Protein backbone atom coordinates (compact mmCIF):
# COMPACT_ATOMS: atom_id res chain seq x y z
CA MET A 1 70.09 96.52 116.34
CA ALA A 2 66.37 96.43 116.41
CA VAL A 3 64.62 98.27 119.23
CA GLY A 4 62.82 95.84 121.34
CA ALA A 5 64.41 92.76 119.95
CA GLU A 6 63.96 89.74 122.36
CA GLN A 7 67.61 88.80 121.93
CA GLN A 8 70.64 90.64 120.85
CA THR A 9 73.98 89.14 120.06
CA ILE A 10 77.56 90.44 120.83
CA VAL A 11 80.22 88.61 118.80
CA ILE A 12 83.83 88.85 120.25
CA VAL A 13 86.49 87.92 117.57
CA GLY A 14 89.45 86.78 119.46
CA GLY A 15 90.47 85.22 122.75
CA GLY A 16 93.51 86.05 124.96
CA SER A 17 93.20 88.42 127.74
CA ALA A 18 91.17 90.87 125.83
CA GLY A 19 88.81 88.54 124.63
CA TRP A 20 88.12 86.77 127.82
CA MET A 21 88.11 89.80 130.07
CA THR A 22 85.43 91.17 127.68
CA ALA A 23 83.43 88.00 127.63
CA ALA A 24 83.52 87.72 131.49
CA ALA A 25 82.48 91.16 132.12
CA LEU A 26 79.74 91.12 129.54
CA SER A 27 78.35 87.94 130.70
CA ARG A 28 78.44 89.18 134.19
CA PHE A 29 76.12 91.95 133.45
CA LEU A 30 74.17 90.93 130.55
CA ALA A 31 72.35 87.91 131.88
CA ARG A 32 68.97 88.68 130.13
CA GLY A 33 68.23 89.62 126.61
CA TRP A 34 71.79 89.16 125.40
CA SER A 35 73.55 86.39 123.80
CA ILE A 36 77.36 86.57 123.78
CA LYS A 37 79.72 84.43 121.56
CA LEU A 38 83.45 84.37 121.26
CA ILE A 39 85.38 83.16 118.46
CA GLU A 40 89.19 82.17 118.59
CA SER A 41 91.62 79.80 117.16
CA GLU A 42 94.07 77.83 119.31
CA GLU A 43 96.49 78.08 116.35
CA ILE A 44 96.87 81.73 116.82
CA GLY A 45 99.17 82.91 119.70
CA THR A 46 98.88 85.94 122.07
CA VAL A 47 101.51 88.68 122.56
CA GLY A 48 101.37 88.15 126.38
CA VAL A 49 103.11 91.31 127.61
CA GLY A 50 100.34 92.28 129.95
CA GLU A 51 101.63 90.44 132.95
CA ALA A 52 102.14 93.43 135.08
CA THR A 53 99.20 95.54 136.17
CA ILE A 54 98.14 98.75 138.11
CA PRO A 55 95.87 98.70 141.19
CA GLN A 56 92.65 99.25 139.04
CA ILE A 57 92.82 95.36 138.05
CA ARG A 58 91.62 94.93 141.55
CA LEU A 59 88.45 96.70 141.02
CA PHE A 60 87.88 94.75 137.80
CA ASN A 61 88.32 91.46 139.58
CA ASN A 62 86.13 92.53 142.42
CA THR A 63 83.35 93.67 140.03
CA LEU A 64 83.33 90.20 138.49
CA GLY A 65 83.07 88.58 142.01
CA ILE A 66 86.54 86.98 141.80
CA ASP A 67 88.13 85.79 145.04
CA GLU A 68 91.67 87.28 145.25
CA ASP A 69 93.22 83.99 146.69
CA GLU A 70 91.67 81.85 144.09
CA PHE A 71 92.80 84.28 141.30
CA ILE A 72 96.46 84.42 142.65
CA ARG A 73 96.62 80.50 142.85
CA ALA A 74 95.10 80.14 139.28
CA THR A 75 97.40 82.53 137.62
CA LYS A 76 100.64 81.77 139.79
CA GLY A 77 100.57 85.48 140.56
CA THR A 78 102.48 87.66 143.04
CA PHE A 79 101.99 91.19 144.22
CA LYS A 80 103.21 94.49 142.99
CA LEU A 81 103.77 97.65 144.76
CA GLY A 82 105.33 99.70 141.90
CA ILE A 83 107.84 99.83 139.06
CA GLN A 84 111.49 100.35 139.66
CA PHE A 85 113.31 102.46 137.04
CA ASP A 86 116.97 101.55 136.75
CA GLY A 87 119.18 103.84 134.65
CA TRP A 88 116.44 105.95 132.96
CA LEU A 89 117.98 109.14 134.20
CA ARG A 90 121.71 108.07 133.60
CA PRO A 91 123.39 104.63 134.40
CA GLY A 92 123.59 103.91 138.00
CA GLU A 93 120.52 106.03 139.06
CA SER A 94 117.32 104.49 140.21
CA TYR A 95 113.88 105.35 141.43
CA ILE A 96 110.55 103.84 141.82
CA HIS A 97 107.03 104.88 140.70
CA ALA A 98 105.02 103.26 143.63
CA PHE A 99 101.23 102.94 144.26
CA GLY A 100 99.48 104.65 146.96
CA GLN A 101 100.26 107.91 149.03
CA VAL A 102 103.62 109.60 149.19
CA GLY A 103 103.68 111.40 152.63
CA ARG A 104 100.90 113.08 154.19
CA ASP A 105 99.09 116.25 152.87
CA LEU A 106 98.99 119.09 155.32
CA GLY A 107 96.62 122.02 155.25
CA LEU A 108 95.65 123.19 151.80
CA ILE A 109 98.66 121.87 149.95
CA SER A 110 100.18 118.51 148.84
CA PHE A 111 103.02 116.76 150.85
CA HIS A 112 105.51 117.25 148.09
CA HIS A 113 105.78 120.91 148.63
CA TYR A 114 107.04 120.48 152.19
CA TRP A 115 109.43 118.00 150.84
CA LEU A 116 110.52 120.46 148.24
CA ARG A 117 111.20 123.15 150.94
CA ALA A 118 113.35 120.55 152.91
CA LYS A 119 115.30 119.79 149.80
CA ALA A 120 115.86 123.38 149.05
CA ALA A 121 117.31 123.59 152.77
CA GLY A 122 119.83 120.78 152.02
CA ALA A 123 117.70 117.65 153.12
CA ASN A 124 118.71 114.44 151.23
CA GLU A 125 115.78 112.09 151.77
CA GLY A 126 114.25 110.88 148.44
CA LEU A 127 110.60 110.71 148.02
CA GLY A 128 110.61 106.90 148.52
CA ALA A 129 111.40 107.42 152.14
CA TYR A 130 107.97 108.91 152.56
CA SER A 131 106.02 106.22 150.54
CA LEU A 132 104.78 102.99 152.32
CA SER A 133 104.74 101.11 148.93
CA ALA A 134 108.23 102.48 147.66
CA SER A 135 109.85 101.45 151.09
CA ALA A 136 108.26 98.20 151.49
CA ALA A 137 109.01 97.30 147.86
CA MET A 138 112.59 98.02 148.19
CA ALA A 139 112.70 96.04 151.48
CA GLY A 140 111.09 93.00 149.71
CA ARG A 141 108.03 93.13 151.99
CA PHE A 142 104.25 92.93 151.51
CA MET A 143 100.96 92.44 153.27
CA ARG A 144 97.45 93.24 152.68
CA GLY A 145 95.53 95.90 154.79
CA ASN A 146 97.10 98.44 157.09
CA PRO A 147 100.20 97.35 158.75
CA THR A 148 99.73 100.03 161.52
CA PRO A 149 96.04 100.33 161.86
CA ASN A 150 96.12 103.67 163.72
CA ALA A 151 98.50 105.28 161.35
CA PRO A 152 97.47 107.93 158.76
CA LEU A 153 98.89 106.32 155.71
CA GLY A 154 96.15 103.87 155.08
CA PRO A 155 96.20 100.47 153.67
CA VAL A 156 98.91 99.00 151.41
CA THR A 157 98.00 99.86 147.78
CA TYR A 158 98.94 97.13 145.36
CA ALA A 159 98.54 95.55 141.97
CA TYR A 160 99.57 92.02 140.62
CA HIS A 161 102.05 90.16 138.42
CA PHE A 162 100.50 87.22 136.84
CA ASP A 163 100.53 84.77 133.84
CA ALA A 164 98.37 86.48 131.24
CA GLY A 165 97.73 83.11 129.46
CA LEU A 166 96.46 81.60 132.82
CA TYR A 167 94.53 84.58 133.50
CA ALA A 168 92.56 84.31 130.09
CA ALA A 169 91.99 80.60 130.89
CA PHE A 170 90.49 81.46 134.27
CA LEU A 171 88.24 83.98 132.91
CA ARG A 172 87.27 81.60 130.12
CA THR A 173 85.99 79.13 132.82
CA ARG A 174 83.99 81.84 134.39
CA ALA A 175 82.63 83.28 131.16
CA GLU A 176 81.50 79.94 129.78
CA ALA A 177 79.79 79.11 133.17
CA GLN A 178 77.88 82.39 132.58
CA GLY A 179 76.61 81.46 129.14
CA VAL A 180 79.27 82.48 126.62
CA VAL A 181 79.37 80.24 123.70
CA ARG A 182 82.90 79.77 122.07
CA THR A 183 83.56 78.82 118.72
CA GLU A 184 86.94 77.40 117.80
CA GLY A 185 88.29 77.93 114.39
CA THR A 186 89.85 80.08 111.84
CA ILE A 187 87.93 83.04 110.31
CA ALA A 188 87.75 82.95 106.41
CA ASP A 189 85.95 86.21 105.74
CA VAL A 190 83.86 89.09 107.23
CA GLN A 191 80.51 89.82 105.87
CA ILE A 192 79.75 93.67 105.37
CA ASP A 193 75.96 94.73 105.09
CA GLY A 194 75.75 96.34 101.69
CA GLU A 195 73.24 98.97 102.79
CA THR A 196 74.55 100.24 106.17
CA GLY A 197 78.19 99.24 105.89
CA ASP A 198 78.09 97.36 109.34
CA VAL A 199 79.56 94.10 110.02
CA SER A 200 76.89 91.42 109.65
CA GLY A 201 78.76 88.14 110.20
CA ILE A 202 81.82 86.13 110.53
CA VAL A 203 82.44 83.49 108.04
CA MET A 204 84.35 80.51 109.31
CA GLU A 205 86.74 78.37 107.45
CA ASP A 206 84.21 75.51 107.70
CA GLY A 207 81.54 77.55 106.06
CA ASN A 208 79.63 78.28 109.23
CA VAL A 209 78.54 82.11 109.50
CA ILE A 210 78.23 83.72 112.88
CA THR A 211 75.92 86.69 112.99
CA GLY A 212 75.65 89.29 115.47
CA ASP A 213 74.55 92.98 116.11
CA LEU A 214 77.52 94.25 117.94
CA PHE A 215 81.10 92.86 117.32
CA ILE A 216 84.10 93.34 119.62
CA ASP A 217 87.46 93.21 117.83
CA CYS A 218 89.93 91.48 120.08
CA SER A 219 92.04 90.03 117.19
CA GLY A 220 95.31 91.77 118.22
CA PHE A 221 97.54 93.82 116.04
CA ARG A 222 95.84 92.58 113.00
CA GLY A 223 92.44 94.35 113.67
CA LEU A 224 90.58 91.96 111.59
CA LEU A 225 87.32 93.84 112.06
CA ILE A 226 88.31 97.39 112.91
CA GLU A 227 90.87 97.81 110.19
CA GLU A 228 90.97 95.02 107.72
CA ALA A 229 87.22 95.15 107.23
CA LEU A 230 86.16 98.84 108.06
CA ASN A 231 89.55 100.51 107.21
CA THR A 232 89.28 102.80 110.23
CA GLY A 233 92.90 104.16 110.06
CA TYR A 234 95.72 104.30 112.56
CA GLU A 235 97.41 107.32 114.20
CA ASP A 236 101.04 106.61 114.42
CA TRP A 237 103.13 108.00 117.36
CA THR A 238 106.60 106.74 116.28
CA GLN A 239 107.76 110.36 116.23
CA TRP A 240 107.41 110.41 119.99
CA LEU A 241 107.72 106.77 121.06
CA PRO A 242 110.38 105.25 118.46
CA CYS A 243 110.75 101.77 119.91
CA ASP A 244 109.02 99.45 117.48
CA ARG A 245 110.14 95.91 118.33
CA ALA A 246 110.48 93.78 121.51
CA VAL A 247 111.86 90.21 122.21
CA ALA A 248 110.35 88.36 125.13
CA VAL A 249 111.76 85.28 127.13
CA PRO A 250 110.74 83.64 130.46
CA CYS A 251 113.38 82.52 132.73
CA ALA A 252 113.69 80.45 135.84
CA SER A 253 112.66 82.04 139.27
CA VAL A 254 115.33 83.36 141.52
CA SER A 255 115.10 84.40 145.30
CA PRO A 256 114.03 86.81 146.60
CA LEU A 257 110.54 87.12 145.06
CA THR A 258 110.57 90.86 144.58
CA PRO A 259 107.13 92.70 144.91
CA TYR A 260 107.59 95.21 142.05
CA THR A 261 108.24 95.28 138.28
CA ARG A 262 111.65 96.31 137.18
CA SER A 263 112.29 98.42 133.91
CA SER A 264 115.98 98.74 133.05
CA ALA A 265 117.14 101.30 130.46
CA ARG A 266 119.47 99.73 127.81
CA LYS A 267 121.45 101.42 124.93
CA ALA A 268 118.34 101.75 122.76
CA GLY A 269 115.37 100.95 124.79
CA TRP A 270 114.63 99.18 127.94
CA GLN A 271 114.30 95.62 129.60
CA TRP A 272 111.25 94.48 131.71
CA ARG A 273 111.33 92.00 134.68
CA ILE A 274 108.12 90.56 135.98
CA PRO A 275 108.56 88.03 138.85
CA LEU A 276 105.78 85.29 139.01
CA GLN A 277 105.63 82.35 141.21
CA HIS A 278 106.77 79.75 138.80
CA ARG A 279 109.09 81.95 136.53
CA ILE A 280 110.33 85.55 135.64
CA GLY A 281 108.79 87.29 132.58
CA ASN A 282 111.39 89.25 130.75
CA GLY A 283 111.50 91.40 127.52
CA HIS A 284 113.56 93.90 125.85
CA VAL A 285 111.63 96.69 124.05
CA TYR A 286 113.96 98.60 121.51
CA CYS A 287 114.27 100.73 118.53
CA SER A 288 115.46 98.95 115.27
CA ASN A 289 116.92 102.16 113.94
CA HIS A 290 119.55 102.14 116.71
CA ILE A 291 120.08 98.38 117.29
CA SER A 292 119.94 95.13 115.42
CA ASP A 293 117.50 92.23 116.40
CA ASP A 294 120.41 90.03 117.18
CA GLU A 295 122.17 92.59 119.31
CA ALA A 296 118.71 93.22 121.20
CA THR A 297 118.26 89.55 121.89
CA ALA A 298 121.80 89.17 123.01
CA ILE A 299 121.31 91.89 125.55
CA LEU A 300 118.22 90.49 126.92
CA LEU A 301 119.75 86.87 127.34
CA ASP A 302 122.88 88.53 128.93
CA ASN A 303 120.53 90.09 131.67
CA LEU A 304 118.31 87.34 132.87
CA ASP A 305 118.49 86.31 136.50
CA GLY A 306 117.94 82.64 135.71
CA GLU A 307 118.03 80.09 132.94
CA ALA A 308 115.98 80.87 129.86
CA LEU A 309 113.04 78.58 129.72
CA ALA A 310 112.09 79.05 126.02
CA ASP A 311 113.37 80.52 122.80
CA PRO A 312 113.26 84.34 122.66
CA ARG A 313 109.94 85.53 121.01
CA PRO A 314 110.11 88.50 118.66
CA ILE A 315 107.39 91.06 118.43
CA LYS A 316 106.75 94.05 116.01
CA PHE A 317 104.78 96.87 116.68
CA THR A 318 103.87 100.56 116.05
CA THR A 319 102.82 102.58 118.99
CA GLY A 320 99.67 104.60 118.47
CA MET A 321 95.80 104.17 118.35
CA ARG A 322 93.11 103.73 115.94
CA ARG A 323 91.43 106.83 114.51
CA LYS A 324 88.17 105.34 115.95
CA PHE A 325 87.83 102.75 118.70
CA TRP A 326 84.25 102.34 117.93
CA ASN A 327 83.40 102.36 114.07
CA ARG A 328 79.80 101.44 112.96
CA ASN A 329 79.01 98.44 115.06
CA VAL A 330 82.59 97.23 115.80
CA VAL A 331 84.38 98.12 119.01
CA ALA A 332 88.11 97.49 119.13
CA LEU A 333 89.55 96.27 122.67
CA GLY A 334 93.15 95.40 123.34
CA LEU A 335 95.86 95.49 120.79
CA SER A 336 93.37 95.89 117.89
CA SER A 337 92.55 99.36 119.42
CA GLY A 338 96.18 100.57 119.61
CA PHE A 339 99.33 99.83 121.24
CA MET A 340 101.08 101.38 124.19
CA GLU A 341 104.37 99.88 125.08
CA PRO A 342 104.17 98.20 128.52
CA LEU A 343 106.40 100.67 130.34
CA GLU A 344 103.88 101.64 132.96
CA SER A 345 101.80 98.37 132.80
CA THR A 346 98.71 99.91 131.16
CA SER A 347 97.97 97.18 128.63
CA LEU A 348 95.32 95.32 130.78
CA HIS A 349 94.07 98.50 132.15
CA LEU A 350 93.26 99.86 128.61
CA ILE A 351 91.24 96.72 128.06
CA GLN A 352 89.31 97.10 131.40
CA SER A 353 88.67 100.77 130.83
CA GLY A 354 87.36 100.09 127.37
CA ILE A 355 84.88 97.46 128.66
CA GLU A 356 83.80 99.73 131.33
CA ARG A 357 83.19 102.47 128.83
CA LEU A 358 81.42 100.08 126.39
CA LEU A 359 79.08 98.98 129.23
CA LYS A 360 78.19 102.68 129.79
CA PHE A 361 77.48 103.20 126.01
CA LEU A 362 75.90 99.90 125.34
CA PRO A 363 73.20 100.46 122.50
CA ASN A 364 69.70 100.08 123.32
CA GLY A 365 68.70 99.58 119.54
CA PRO A 366 70.56 101.08 116.65
CA VAL A 367 73.96 102.28 117.47
CA ALA A 368 73.92 106.09 117.74
CA SER A 369 76.66 108.24 116.42
CA ALA A 370 76.43 110.56 119.39
CA ASP A 371 77.25 107.64 121.64
CA THR A 372 80.13 106.45 119.46
CA ASP A 373 81.49 109.95 119.20
CA ALA A 374 81.61 110.32 122.87
CA TYR A 375 83.13 106.93 123.45
CA ASN A 376 85.77 107.71 120.95
CA ARG A 377 86.69 110.97 122.36
CA GLN A 378 87.02 109.46 125.81
CA SER A 379 89.04 106.67 124.59
CA ALA A 380 91.45 109.03 122.62
CA PHE A 381 91.85 111.15 125.65
CA GLU A 382 92.83 108.44 127.70
CA PHE A 383 95.22 106.95 125.16
CA GLU A 384 96.85 110.30 124.58
CA ARG A 385 97.33 111.14 128.34
CA ILE A 386 98.91 107.84 128.88
CA ARG A 387 101.22 108.51 125.87
CA ASP A 388 102.19 111.62 127.33
CA PHE A 389 103.33 109.97 130.61
CA ILE A 390 105.36 107.37 128.81
CA ILE A 391 107.11 110.03 126.54
CA LEU A 392 108.03 111.70 129.66
CA HIS A 393 110.24 108.77 130.75
CA TYR A 394 112.23 108.76 127.43
CA HIS A 395 112.47 112.57 126.91
CA VAL A 396 113.83 113.61 130.38
CA ASN A 397 116.92 111.85 130.48
CA GLN A 398 120.85 112.36 130.84
CA ARG A 399 121.97 109.39 129.06
CA ASP A 400 124.84 109.52 126.43
CA GLU A 401 123.76 106.86 123.73
CA PRO A 402 122.61 108.15 120.33
CA PHE A 403 118.98 106.76 121.03
CA TRP A 404 118.61 108.55 124.23
CA LYS A 405 120.03 111.83 123.00
CA ALA A 406 117.46 111.68 120.11
CA CYS A 407 114.66 111.17 122.67
CA ARG A 408 116.02 114.11 124.79
CA ASP A 409 116.09 116.57 121.57
CA MET A 410 112.58 115.51 120.13
CA ALA A 411 109.62 117.89 120.07
CA ILE A 412 107.07 116.64 122.45
CA PRO A 413 103.29 117.21 122.47
CA ASP A 414 102.01 120.52 123.84
CA THR A 415 100.09 118.76 126.58
CA LEU A 416 103.26 117.19 127.92
CA ALA A 417 105.31 120.35 127.51
CA GLU A 418 102.81 122.55 129.45
CA LYS A 419 102.77 119.90 132.40
CA LEU A 420 106.59 119.88 132.49
CA GLU A 421 106.76 123.80 132.54
CA VAL A 422 104.25 124.17 135.33
CA PHE A 423 106.00 121.60 137.42
CA ARG A 424 109.39 123.16 136.86
CA ALA A 425 108.21 126.46 138.01
CA ASN A 426 106.92 125.88 141.38
CA GLY A 427 106.21 122.12 141.64
CA ARG A 428 102.57 122.33 140.70
CA ILE A 429 100.72 119.28 139.10
CA PHE A 430 97.31 119.49 137.67
CA ARG A 431 95.48 116.34 136.65
CA ALA A 432 93.37 117.04 133.62
CA SER A 433 89.79 115.57 133.80
CA ASP A 434 89.82 111.84 134.64
CA GLU A 435 93.30 111.05 133.12
CA LEU A 436 94.79 107.73 134.40
CA PHE A 437 97.89 108.71 136.21
CA THR A 438 97.58 110.94 139.40
CA GLU A 439 99.54 113.82 140.45
CA LEU A 440 101.56 111.36 142.66
CA GLY A 441 102.59 109.26 139.61
CA TRP A 442 103.56 112.27 137.62
CA LEU A 443 105.59 113.57 140.85
CA GLN A 444 107.55 110.41 141.32
CA VAL A 445 108.43 110.13 137.71
CA MET A 446 109.29 113.75 137.19
CA VAL A 447 111.38 113.94 140.26
CA GLY A 448 113.07 110.34 139.41
CA GLN A 449 113.96 111.68 135.99
CA GLY A 450 115.90 114.62 137.53
CA ILE A 451 113.27 117.57 137.31
CA MET A 452 113.59 119.63 140.34
CA PRO A 453 111.39 122.64 140.48
CA SER A 454 112.79 126.22 140.97
CA GLY A 455 110.27 126.71 143.85
CA TYR A 456 107.20 125.50 145.80
CA HIS A 457 104.15 126.54 147.01
CA PRO A 458 104.33 129.61 149.61
CA LEU A 459 102.03 128.04 152.08
CA ALA A 460 104.87 125.42 152.73
CA GLN A 461 106.66 128.31 154.54
CA GLN A 462 103.97 128.52 157.16
CA LEU A 463 105.53 125.77 159.14
CA SER A 464 108.56 126.60 161.33
CA ASP A 465 111.83 124.80 160.47
CA SER A 466 111.29 122.69 163.75
CA ASP A 467 107.87 121.92 162.79
CA LEU A 468 108.79 120.98 159.28
CA ASN A 469 111.49 118.57 160.57
CA GLY A 470 109.16 117.01 163.00
CA PHE A 471 106.43 116.59 160.25
CA LEU A 472 108.72 114.98 157.94
CA GLY A 473 110.59 112.87 160.60
CA MET A 474 107.24 111.56 162.04
CA THR A 475 106.09 110.50 158.49
CA ARG A 476 109.33 108.66 158.01
CA GLN A 477 108.95 106.95 161.24
CA ILE A 478 105.53 105.76 160.51
CA VAL A 479 106.55 104.40 157.25
CA ASP A 480 109.45 102.66 158.78
CA ALA A 481 107.41 101.03 161.38
CA SER A 482 104.76 99.95 158.91
CA VAL A 483 107.36 98.35 156.80
CA ALA A 484 109.05 96.56 159.75
CA ALA A 485 105.54 95.20 160.59
CA MET A 486 105.30 93.34 157.20
CA PRO A 487 106.59 89.80 156.41
CA THR A 488 108.71 89.40 153.31
CA HIS A 489 106.84 89.19 150.09
CA GLU A 490 108.35 85.69 149.43
CA ASP A 491 107.03 84.53 152.97
CA PHE A 492 103.59 86.02 152.24
CA ILE A 493 103.31 84.16 149.03
CA ALA A 494 104.63 80.84 150.55
CA ARG A 495 102.18 81.04 153.50
CA HIS A 496 99.01 81.71 151.45
CA TYR A 497 99.92 80.09 148.17
CA SER A 498 102.53 77.51 148.94
CA ALA A 499 100.91 74.97 146.40
CA GLY A 500 101.93 77.26 143.46
CA VAL A 501 105.43 78.28 144.40
CA ASN A 502 107.39 75.40 143.14
């Protein structure tokens, strides 16, 4: 990029959620001095596994000025309070990783240390009894805001389920209204500058050449720019996350309309269930070394809640990340940057955080290696810590199938091993820097997967037995009263978005 240039051009290669999220965000903030172009082909489909989200998506939509009700109607969305994990510890066991608070911190230590003290004394209430989101999810209830305004639990923390294709179309309308120029067509070649090694242009099949200063690769698994053109390299995480295939199919909706994602462990992987207004999204993520494609598809179809609405669609992947997310003048976002299986609904978040990071490091002139190095370090840290969180689900299990035994016996990254060791000792959880998942997320999954610490913080002993029971009992009462004040999720959707429920 030339310093002082009147107009600088960003070219986004690929549409789908990644391309149009990027286009909508960049066009929102780069109104002057920038030209934004997007290339996509309607002949190329999208993977579309990113229909479940985490609460950060609300920040992204708010930043773009998106009205929540308009968004829910346009994407046939529903609300999400967490993820239920069925059978991950062992068959018949279930827990939920819910959003928002778990209990109330007291004094200098976190709530869970008081809960651990009570458990050690024989109490049998699970963590979910002290979580507004977990209790509401299991009761099938939802509302926005604080159901009991004077209570200390705060407002309901939530995310969304939505149709990723409709979301991309919704954002496309906004982006084009903000000046993004879309080119439809197939890419024939990528031009590389012989002196700098940068990408200089995209050659279309009709001979048209689209030039730019900065290129965003949203081309999916293919990595047209970041890999095929620049040979960036890929870090393979199959040794920790051996699932390498998925099969997806939508089915008809059923009642009740649950306000949570469900992940059900299967013999060699897991099955997702994402309830939308007009259908349920389903998929089976599995390891091809332990199960055939035909058997995996049969398991998926045998465990649908309603009639299948399409033919099952196979997906092949290798979990991992690019060795560089930003290489020369190309930034990879979405599947071109790497693949994290959708177990904890991080697919769209990784796009969102990549866009935010790109805006922070946006070049003012030539791309500086110091900036790209920092961008890559931050991106790799985020990917690696999410990777560890997902490995946790697989590694800590008590199932008997060969796949699960292999996951239990595998060596794990040192960063995860240290986290587990510290928690097992005295229930301590430390969040490194700005890693995505909070202490409460780690707590719910570690406890849900059967890890109970040997001890707890000594300050939890400062309460008398009577005060401890009163503190825990009052917290449960607040949660129960708050949940009772909520309408059902299905009623909430019908009341606010009745036009899209059919």
